[in-house]
Amino acid sequence: MPRPTRVQRAAIARRRADAVELRLAGADPLTVGRKLAADPAVNSDKLAYPFGYGHELYARRRPAPDDTTLIRSVNRDVADALDHRLDAALASVEELRALEDARLDRMFMVAYRRAVRDGDLLAIDRALRIMERRARLLGLDQPARTEITGQGGGPIEVDTTADELAALIAITDPAGSGGRE
């Protein structure tokens, strides 16, 4: 199968965007599939949606895809479109993070020069704050480790029997799923 042309790719991208919008509006996958079908006999608007579902069949005058195929196609399109949006959003976040890092570099150099050259305590504080902000932005700080201990740093003593624990679990988990859903 030949690679789609730029116009075809744009039409497919439009179909995917329309599928996402219809799903967000609450339409079920079969309704979306019928709304965006290429074959006017299947299309709920009785129109040939450009590069709609089953367009390759419609072009060859073959029977339209069945409901299961429409649903599968819609679900795949929506997943692909959302993956693409997520990738774009993550790329934007990385670009913004790089821009903010560059801004911090410029500000840090000013504060650092004043701190080192003049021993200016305010400049030292400002340089440290910029360093802290950069560490948060780039995730450089490790989370603090918290350890809970009993008296004198020893283990925590629990004086509950297994039967009492089972009763507590039954109270908080009446369905008996053990916390599994």
C-alpha atoms as a PDB file:
ATOM      1  CA  MET A   1       0.000   0.000   0.000  1.00  0.00           C
ATOM      2  CA  PRO A   2       1.547   3.343  -1.030  1.00  0.00           C
ATOM      3  CA  ARG A   3       2.290   5.984   1.559  1.00  0.00           C
ATOM      4  CA  PRO A   4      -0.554   8.549   1.868  1.00  0.00           C
ATOM      5  CA  THR A   5      -0.014  11.927   0.232  1.00  0.00           C
ATOM      6  CA  ARG A   6       0.187  15.123   2.273  1.00  0.00           C
ATOM      7  CA  VAL A   7      -3.470  15.865   1.468  1.00  0.00           C
ATOM      8  CA  GLN A   8      -4.490  12.353   2.528  1.00  0.00           C
ATOM      9  CA  ARG A   9      -2.499  12.599   5.757  1.00  0.00           C
ATOM     10  CA  ALA A  10      -4.174  15.936   6.514  1.00  0.00           C
ATOM     11  CA  ALA A  11      -7.610  14.396   5.889  1.00  0.00           C
ATOM     12  CA  ILE A  12      -6.793  11.449   8.174  1.00  0.00           C
ATOM     13  CA  ALA A  13      -5.541  13.846  10.872  1.00  0.00           C
ATOM     14  CA  ARG A  14      -8.818  15.793  10.543  1.00  0.00           C
ATOM     15  CA  ARG A  15     -10.801  12.531  10.881  1.00  0.00           C
ATOM     16  CA  ARG A  16      -8.849  11.649  14.031  1.00  0.00           C
ATOM     17  CA  ALA A  17      -9.398  15.106  15.507  1.00  0.00           C
ATOM     18  CA  ASP A  18     -13.125  14.861  14.702  1.00  0.00           C
ATOM     19  CA  ALA A  19     -13.246  11.410  16.311  1.00  0.00           C
ATOM     20  CA  VAL A  20     -11.660  12.776  19.507  1.00  0.00           C
ATOM     21  CA  GLU A  21     -14.051  15.728  19.584  1.00  0.00           C
ATOM     22  CA  LEU A  22     -17.084  13.467  19.107  1.00  0.00           C
ATOM     23  CA  ARG A  23     -15.867  11.092  21.843  1.00  0.00           C
ATOM     24  CA  LEU A  24     -15.278  14.048  24.179  1.00  0.00           C
ATOM     25  CA  ALA A  25     -18.837  15.181  23.428  1.00  0.00           C
ATOM     26  CA  GLY A  26     -20.036  11.790  24.654  1.00  0.00           C
ATOM     27  CA  ALA A  27     -20.642   9.915  21.392  1.00  0.00           C
ATOM     28  CA  ASP A  28     -19.984   6.170  21.593  1.00  0.00           C
ATOM     29  CA  PRO A  29     -17.418   4.647  19.178  1.00  0.00           C
ATOM     30  CA  LEU A  30     -20.058   3.170  16.841  1.00  0.00           C
ATOM     31  CA  THR A  31     -21.838   6.520  16.496  1.00  0.00           C
ATOM     32  CA  VAL A  32     -18.489   8.170  15.768  1.00  0.00           C
ATOM     33  CA  GLY A  33     -17.655   5.477  13.207  1.00  0.00           C
ATOM     34  CA  ARG A  34     -20.938   6.003  11.402  1.00  0.00           C
ATOM     35  CA  LYS A  35     -20.653   9.791  11.528  1.00  0.00           C
ATOM     36  CA  LEU A  36     -17.161   9.649   9.998  1.00  0.00           C
ATOM     37  CA  ALA A  37     -17.721   6.792   7.550  1.00  0.00           C
ATOM     38  CA  ALA A  38     -16.690   7.222   3.930  1.00  0.00           C
ATOM     39  CA  ASP A  39     -19.658   5.281   2.547  1.00  0.00           C
ATOM     40  CA  PRO A  40     -22.827   7.436   2.423  1.00  0.00           C
ATOM     41  CA  ALA A  41     -24.900   4.286   3.021  1.00  0.00           C
ATOM     42  CA  VAL A  42     -23.238   3.882   6.434  1.00  0.00           C
ATOM     43  CA  ASN A  43     -22.588   7.545   7.226  1.00  0.00           C
ATOM     44  CA  SER A  44     -25.246   8.883   9.620  1.00  0.00           C
ATOM     45  CA  ASP A  45     -25.313  12.156   7.639  1.00  0.00           C
ATOM     46  CA  LYS A  46     -25.617  10.212   4.350  1.00  0.00           C
ATOM     47  CA  LEU A  47     -22.429  11.930   3.117  1.00  0.00           C
ATOM     48  CA  ALA A  48     -19.100  10.540   1.975  1.00  0.00           C
ATOM     49  CA  TYR A  49     -16.723  11.744   4.698  1.00  0.00           C
ATOM     50  CA  PRO A  50     -13.332  12.416   3.027  1.00  0.00           C
ATOM     51  CA  PHE A  51     -10.938   9.627   4.023  1.00  0.00           C
ATOM     52  CA  GLY A  52     -13.544   8.438   6.471  1.00  0.00           C
ATOM     53  CA  TYR A  53     -13.706   4.955   7.910  1.00  0.00           C
ATOM     54  CA  GLY A  54     -13.717   2.392   5.132  1.00  0.00           C
ATOM     55  CA  HIS A  55     -12.585   4.899   2.471  1.00  0.00           C
ATOM     56  CA  GLU A  56     -10.413   2.269   0.782  1.00  0.00           C
ATOM     57  CA  LEU A  57     -13.403  -0.086   0.522  1.00  0.00           C
ATOM     58  CA  TYR A  58     -15.722   2.672  -0.687  1.00  0.00           C
ATOM     59  CA  ALA A  59     -13.250   3.695  -3.387  1.00  0.00           C
ATOM     60  CA  ARG A  60     -13.270   0.110  -4.724  1.00  0.00           C
ATOM     61  CA  ARG A  61     -17.069  -0.182  -4.418  1.00  0.00           C
ATOM     62  CA  ARG A  62     -16.738  -2.898  -1.764  1.00  0.00           C
ATOM     63  CA  PRO A  63     -19.087  -3.403   1.204  1.00  0.00           C
ATOM     64  CA  ALA A  64     -18.605  -0.969   4.077  1.00  0.00           C
ATOM     65  CA  PRO A  65     -16.862  -2.115   7.268  1.00  0.00           C
ATOM     66  CA  ASP A  66     -19.041  -3.835   9.845  1.00  0.00           C
ATOM     67  CA  ASP A  67     -19.845  -2.280  13.237  1.00  0.00           C
ATOM     68  CA  THR A  68     -17.022  -4.117  15.034  1.00  0.00           C
ATOM     69  CA  THR A  69     -14.483  -2.849  12.501  1.00  0.00           C
ATOM     70  CA  LEU A  70     -15.841   0.708  12.795  1.00  0.00           C
ATOM     71  CA  ILE A  71     -15.569   0.589  16.585  1.00  0.00           C
ATOM     72  CA  ARG A  72     -12.014  -0.801  16.435  1.00  0.00           C
ATOM     73  CA  SER A  73     -11.013   1.878  13.881  1.00  0.00           C
ATOM     74  CA  VAL A  74     -12.470   4.698  15.972  1.00  0.00           C
ATOM     75  CA  ASN A  75     -10.774   3.442  19.137  1.00  0.00           C
ATOM     76  CA  ARG A  76      -7.433   3.181  17.314  1.00  0.00           C
ATOM     77  CA  ASP A  77      -7.826   6.685  15.845  1.00  0.00           C
ATOM     78  CA  VAL A  78      -8.720   8.209  19.211  1.00  0.00           C
ATOM     79  CA  ALA A  79      -5.784   6.471  20.913  1.00  0.00           C
ATOM     80  CA  ASP A  80      -3.379   7.598  18.156  1.00  0.00           C
ATOM     81  CA  ALA A  81      -4.677  11.180  18.277  1.00  0.00           C
ATOM     82  CA  LEU A  82      -4.394  11.341  22.061  1.00  0.00           C
ATOM     83  CA  ASP A  83      -0.887   9.845  21.951  1.00  0.00           C
ATOM     84  CA  HIS A  84       0.085  12.503  19.412  1.00  0.00           C
ATOM     85  CA  ARG A  85      -1.374  15.255  21.625  1.00  0.00           C
ATOM     86  CA  LEU A  86       0.466  13.875  24.647  1.00  0.00           C
ATOM     87  CA  ASP A  87       3.769  13.733  22.736  1.00  0.00           C
ATOM     88  CA  ALA A  88       3.260  17.324  21.588  1.00  0.00           C
ATOM     89  CA  ALA A  89       2.423  18.458  25.121  1.00  0.00           C
ATOM     90  CA  LEU A  90       5.492  16.714  26.553  1.00  0.00           C
ATOM     91  CA  ALA A  91       7.690  18.278  23.869  1.00  0.00           C
ATOM     92  CA  SER A  92       6.243  21.691  24.740  1.00  0.00           C
ATOM     93  CA  VAL A  93       6.965  21.100  28.419  1.00  0.00           C
ATOM     94  CA  GLU A  94      10.567  20.165  27.629  1.00  0.00           C
ATOM     95  CA  GLU A  95      10.967  23.268  25.439  1.00  0.00           C
ATOM     96  CA  LEU A  96       9.558  25.457  28.199  1.00  0.00           C
ATOM     97  CA  ARG A  97      11.785  23.770  30.780  1.00  0.00           C
ATOM     98  CA  ALA A  98      14.855  24.473  28.585  1.00  0.00           C
ATOM     99  CA  LEU A  99      13.771  28.103  28.153  1.00  0.00           C
ATOM    100  CA  GLU A 100      13.309  28.548  31.898  1.00  0.00           C
ATOM    101  CA  ASP A 101      16.703  26.937  32.512  1.00  0.00           C
ATOM    102  CA  ALA A 102      18.334  29.413  30.112  1.00  0.00           C
ATOM    103  CA  ARG A 103      16.633  32.308  31.907  1.00  0.00           C
ATOM    104  CA  LEU A 104      17.897  31.016  35.235  1.00  0.00           C
ATOM    105  CA  ASP A 105      21.416  30.809  33.745  1.00  0.00           C
ATOM    106  CA  ARG A 106      21.341  34.492  32.813  1.00  0.00           C
ATOM    107  CA  MET A 107      20.042  35.576  36.210  1.00  0.00           C
ATOM    108  CA  PHE A 108      22.444  33.290  38.039  1.00  0.00           C
ATOM    109  CA  MET A 109      25.466  34.783  36.277  1.00  0.00           C
ATOM    110  CA  VAL A 110      24.537  38.298  37.458  1.00  0.00           C
ATOM    111  CA  ALA A 111      23.945  37.191  41.049  1.00  0.00           C
ATOM    112  CA  TYR A 112      27.011  34.938  41.079  1.00  0.00           C
ATOM    113  CA  ARG A 113      29.359  37.696  39.834  1.00  0.00           C
ATOM    114  CA  ARG A 114      28.123  40.098  42.507  1.00  0.00           C
ATOM    115  CA  ALA A 115      28.299  37.436  45.189  1.00  0.00           C
ATOM    116  CA  VAL A 116      31.867  36.392  44.352  1.00  0.00           C
ATOM    117  CA  ARG A 117      33.280  39.799  43.378  1.00  0.00           C
ATOM    118  CA  ASP A 118      31.699  41.920  46.109  1.00  0.00           C
ATOM    119  CA  GLY A 119      30.812  39.340  48.744  1.00  0.00           C
ATOM    120  CA  ASP A 120      27.306  40.826  48.584  1.00  0.00           C
ATOM    121  CA  LEU A 121      25.187  38.762  50.983  1.00  0.00           C
ATOM    122  CA  LEU A 122      21.953  39.593  49.131  1.00  0.00           C
ATOM    123  CA  ALA A 123      23.544  38.425  45.885  1.00  0.00           C
ATOM    124  CA  ILE A 124      24.663  35.216  47.612  1.00  0.00           C
ATOM    125  CA  ASP A 125      21.094  34.629  48.834  1.00  0.00           C
ATOM    126  CA  ARG A 126      19.734  35.350  45.352  1.00  0.00           C
ATOM    127  CA  ALA A 127      22.226  32.950  43.738  1.00  0.00           C
ATOM    128  CA  LEU A 128      21.229  30.225  46.196  1.00  0.00           C
ATOM    129  CA  ARG A 129      17.522  30.795  45.471  1.00  0.00           C
ATOM    130  CA  ILE A 130      18.191  30.534  41.733  1.00  0.00           C
ATOM    131  CA  MET A 131      20.117  27.305  42.354  1.00  0.00           C
ATOM    132  CA  GLU A 132      17.207  25.939  44.410  1.00  0.00           C
ATOM    133  CA  ARG A 133      14.732  26.879  41.676  1.00  0.00           C
ATOM    134  CA  ARG A 134      16.882  25.161  39.040  1.00  0.00           C
ATOM    135  CA  ALA A 135      17.104  22.017  41.178  1.00  0.00           C
ATOM    136  CA  ARG A 136      13.286  21.916  41.470  1.00  0.00           C
ATOM    137  CA  LEU A 137      12.824  22.639  37.743  1.00  0.00           C
ATOM    138  CA  LEU A 138      15.192  19.881  36.664  1.00  0.00           C
ATOM    139  CA  GLY A 139      14.334  17.432  39.451  1.00  0.00           C
ATOM    140  CA  LEU A 140      17.868  17.423  40.854  1.00  0.00           C
ATOM    141  CA  ASP A 141      16.898  17.117  44.510  1.00  0.00           C
ATOM    142  CA  GLN A 142      16.300  13.667  45.919  1.00  0.00           C
ATOM    143  CA  PRO A 143      13.203  13.269  48.052  1.00  0.00           C
ATOM    144  CA  ALA A 144      13.805  13.353  51.775  1.00  0.00           C
ATOM    145  CA  ARG A 145      13.743   9.920  53.376  1.00  0.00           C
ATOM    146  CA  THR A 146      11.337   9.611  56.261  1.00  0.00           C
ATOM    147  CA  GLU A 147      11.602   6.791  58.731  1.00  0.00           C
ATOM    148  CA  ILE A 148       9.164   6.203  61.552  1.00  0.00           C
ATOM    149  CA  THR A 149      10.497   4.341  64.544  1.00  0.00           C
ATOM    150  CA  GLY A 150       9.281   3.321  67.943  1.00  0.00           C
ATOM    151  CA  GLN A 151      10.551   4.403  71.305  1.00  0.00           C
ATOM    152  CA  GLY A 152      14.336   4.821  71.474  1.00  0.00           C
ATOM    153  CA  GLY A 153      14.676   4.407  67.699  1.00  0.00           C
ATOM    154  CA  GLY A 154      13.542   0.784  67.808  1.00  0.00           C
ATOM    155  CA  PRO A 155      10.722  -0.918  65.963  1.00  0.00           C
ATOM    156  CA  ILE A 156       7.138   0.157  66.455  1.00  0.00           C
ATOM    157  CA  GLU A 157       5.349  -2.253  68.729  1.00  0.00           C
ATOM    158  CA  VAL A 158       1.968  -3.529  67.589  1.00  0.00           C
ATOM    159  CA  ASP A 159      -0.129  -5.331  70.125  1.00  0.00           C
ATOM    160  CA  THR A 160      -2.946  -6.388  67.821  1.00  0.00           C
ATOM    161  CA  THR A 161      -3.667 -10.024  67.120  1.00  0.00           C
ATOM    162  CA  ALA A 162      -4.198 -11.484  63.666  1.00  0.00           C
ATOM    163  CA  ASP A 163      -7.904 -11.931  64.433  1.00  0.00           C
ATOM    164  CA  GLU A 164      -8.216  -8.254  65.403  1.00  0.00           C
ATOM    165  CA  LEU A 165      -6.467  -7.214  62.176  1.00  0.00           C
ATOM    166  CA  ALA A 166      -8.806  -9.439  60.127  1.00  0.00           C
ATOM    167  CA  ALA A 167     -11.809  -7.819  61.837  1.00  0.00           C
ATOM    168  CA  LEU A 168     -10.442  -4.321  61.081  1.00  0.00           C
ATOM    169  CA  ILE A 169      -9.922  -5.260  57.437  1.00  0.00           C
ATOM    170  CA  ALA A 170     -13.482  -6.610  57.234  1.00  0.00           C
ATOM    171  CA  ILE A 171     -14.828  -3.321  58.623  1.00  0.00           C
ATOM    172  CA  THR A 172     -12.880  -1.135  56.186  1.00  0.00           C
ATOM    173  CA  ASP A 173     -13.312  -3.538  53.246  1.00  0.00           C
ATOM    174  CA  PRO A 174     -16.812  -5.015  53.513  1.00  0.00           C
ATOM    175  CA  ALA A 175     -16.669  -6.435  49.967  1.00  0.00           C
ATOM    176  CA  GLY A 176     -13.724  -8.586  51.021  1.00  0.00           C
ATOM    177  CA  SER A 177     -11.566  -7.628  48.059  1.00  0.00           C
ATOM    178  CA  GLY A 178      -8.492  -7.211  50.242  1.00  0.00           C
ATOM    179  CA  GLY A 179      -7.934  -3.766  48.720  1.00  0.00           C
ATOM    180  CA  ARG A 180      -7.904  -5.193  45.191  1.00  0.00           C
ATOM    181  CA  GLU A 181     -10.325  -3.738  42.646  1.00  0.00           C
END
